[in-house]
Each structure stands twice: as C-alpha cells, then as structure tokens.
Amino acid sequence: MLLVTFHDCKLAHSFRIVALSHSDLKNEYARLYTLYSKVYPELERRSEEEIKETANKILVQVYNEEVNVMDAMGAMRKWKESGNANEQEVYACILQTILDEYSCLSQYPQKNLRIAGQLYGQLIQQQIVTDLSLGVLLRYTLEALQADNDGTPVNQKLFYFGMYALTQFKNRLREWDDY
C-alpha cells in the first residue's frame, strides 16, 4: 500500500511516497484522524454511550424545567437539520427516548405528564417530525385519549398526557381528517 505524505503544506508539490504495511496504514489514518479532528471537531464521532448520555441530560433538563420545551424544540430542529452527524444522532436519540417513554407515561407524576405532552405536541406542531415518527406520535396521542362507552378515560394519566399533547397541535388537526 502506498501513502502520499506532504512534508510542508505550503509546498504541497513536494511530497514523498512511502510504502506502508496494513497496520502502519491504520496507524497513519488514526494519526491523521486525530490531527484533523482537532482542526475540524465536527469530524469527531462520539460513541453511542456519549450520544445517549447527552440526550438523557437534555431530557432531564427539560423535565426538571431547567430548559423549556420551546427551547428544546429549537435545539432539536437545529440538530435534525445539522450537517454534523453527532448532532443528528443526539436528535434521533432524544426522539427515540421520547417515543419509548410512552409505555411508562401512566407512571409519571402530573408535572411530567404535562411536559411529555408538550414535547409530543410541539414535535407535531412545529413539524419537526414527519412520516413514521409523526404517525407514531399521533397514534400515541389518540390512544391516550381513548374513553369507555360512557366517556370515562380508559387511563386517567394517559388522558391528561393526551390532552396536553393535543392542545399543542390542535390547529393542525384539520390536516388529518381521519384523526
């Protein structure tokens, strides 16, 4: 394997060709990656654990009301549309966590039901989610609003969550006739 290395960036035309073994080539790529990651930090890929840690930290801040839902939505939109893979992964992790938490909502205290409803509703209202994720959020909201034949909510806590979510995106309801 041959690798071209430049000895002087100002004199890019002066270079040497070096024959490297596979392990030497891997080491050289690792060295260059480390070097360029310092110059271009957006190239640095974070581990899955770091992504999850960042996503969870943000959600904890939202649920502790250290960060308001609208600011979180602004950040999520930015990360979704970012050219930075790490930011896109944080967005995806936060969204997946929000979706996964639906199964636990009936155990949430009232304050957290309100915040979860606001998160769901604002993701829909601000069109941050589309396609499959939008469908899941709408389905979960509708499911939470289910009532018995006498109009009594099937699950009171889920009903509160559903109402909080619905109030966030009620002006978009006309877009979904079946909803």
Foldseek 3Di string as FASTA:
>chain_A
DKDWDAPDPVPRVDIDIDDDDPVRVVVVVVVVQVVVCVVVVLSDDDDPVVLLVVLVVVVVCCLVVVDDLVNVVVQLLCLCPDPRPSSVSNSVNNLVVLLVCLVVQLVDPLSNLLSSLLNLQCCQQVVSDDDPSVVSSVVQLVLLCDADPVNHGPRVRSNSSSVSNCVSRVVCCVVPPVD
